[in-house]
């Protein structure tokens, strides 16, 4: 789904959330998406 998304920011969010839900640490998932860990935590919660 993230690959088909035209908006890069939305795609990045989707990948970061998917990585966190798949067991990657939030810090690593956020880093891989180029964002802050706190921002990712807010989206997951």
C-alpha atoms as a PDB file:
ATOM      1  CA  UNK A   1       0.000   0.000   0.000  1.00  0.00           C
ATOM      2  CA  UNK A   2       2.821   2.407   0.858  1.00  0.00           C
ATOM      3  CA  UNK A   3       4.425   1.803  -2.529  1.00  0.00           C
ATOM      4  CA  UNK A   4       1.244   2.838  -4.345  1.00  0.00           C
ATOM      5  CA  UNK A   5       0.813   5.989  -2.257  1.00  0.00           C
ATOM      6  CA  UNK A   6       1.605   9.106  -4.281  1.00  0.00           C
ATOM      7  CA  UNK A   7       2.260  11.342  -1.276  1.00  0.00           C
ATOM      8  CA  UNK A   8       5.797  10.657  -0.022  1.00  0.00           C
ATOM      9  CA  UNK A   9       5.082  11.820   3.514  1.00  0.00           C
ATOM     10  CA  UNK A  10       2.099   9.492   3.850  1.00  0.00           C
ATOM     11  CA  UNK A  11       4.115   6.622   2.414  1.00  0.00           C
ATOM     12  CA  UNK A  12       6.905   7.275   4.909  1.00  0.00           C
ATOM     13  CA  UNK A  13       4.450   7.282   7.801  1.00  0.00           C
ATOM     14  CA  UNK A  14       2.880   4.036   6.658  1.00  0.00           C
ATOM     15  CA  UNK A  15       6.245   2.290   6.390  1.00  0.00           C
ATOM     16  CA  UNK A  16       7.412   3.552   9.791  1.00  0.00           C
ATOM     17  CA  UNK A  17       4.206   2.419  11.498  1.00  0.00           C
ATOM     18  CA  UNK A  18       4.318  -0.958   9.737  1.00  0.00           C
ATOM     19  CA  UNK A  19       7.935  -1.479  10.825  1.00  0.00           C
ATOM     20  CA  UNK A  20       7.087  -0.609  14.432  1.00  0.00           C
ATOM     21  CA  UNK A  21       4.095  -2.935  14.451  1.00  0.00           C
ATOM     22  CA  UNK A  22       6.211  -5.724  12.940  1.00  0.00           C
ATOM     23  CA  UNK A  23       8.568  -5.599  15.915  1.00  0.00           C
ATOM     24  CA  UNK A  24      11.245  -3.091  14.903  1.00  0.00           C
ATOM     25  CA  UNK A  25      12.092  -0.729  17.725  1.00  0.00           C
ATOM     26  CA  UNK A  26      10.377   2.613  17.439  1.00  0.00           C
ATOM     27  CA  UNK A  27      13.733   4.367  17.356  1.00  0.00           C
ATOM     28  CA  UNK A  28      14.940   2.228  14.434  1.00  0.00           C
ATOM     29  CA  UNK A  29      11.636   2.488  12.580  1.00  0.00           C
ATOM     30  CA  UNK A  30      11.630   6.275  12.984  1.00  0.00           C
ATOM     31  CA  UNK A  31      15.257   6.558  11.930  1.00  0.00           C
ATOM     32  CA  UNK A  32      14.640   4.477   8.807  1.00  0.00           C
ATOM     33  CA  UNK A  33      11.780   6.813   7.844  1.00  0.00           C
ATOM     34  CA  UNK A  34      13.773   9.961   8.616  1.00  0.00           C
ATOM     35  CA  UNK A  35      11.686  11.154  11.518  1.00  0.00           C
ATOM     36  CA  UNK A  36      11.802  11.598  15.273  1.00  0.00           C
ATOM     37  CA  UNK A  37      10.965   8.683  17.563  1.00  0.00           C
ATOM     38  CA  UNK A  38       8.433  10.787  19.459  1.00  0.00           C
ATOM     39  CA  UNK A  39       6.544  11.595  16.259  1.00  0.00           C
ATOM     40  CA  UNK A  40       6.318   7.919  15.391  1.00  0.00           C
ATOM     41  CA  UNK A  41       5.159   7.094  18.923  1.00  0.00           C
ATOM     42  CA  UNK A  42       2.356   9.640  18.617  1.00  0.00           C
ATOM     43  CA  UNK A  43       1.183   8.041  15.346  1.00  0.00           C
ATOM     44  CA  UNK A  44       1.306   4.490  16.716  1.00  0.00           C
ATOM     45  CA  UNK A  45      -0.615   5.441  19.842  1.00  0.00           C
END
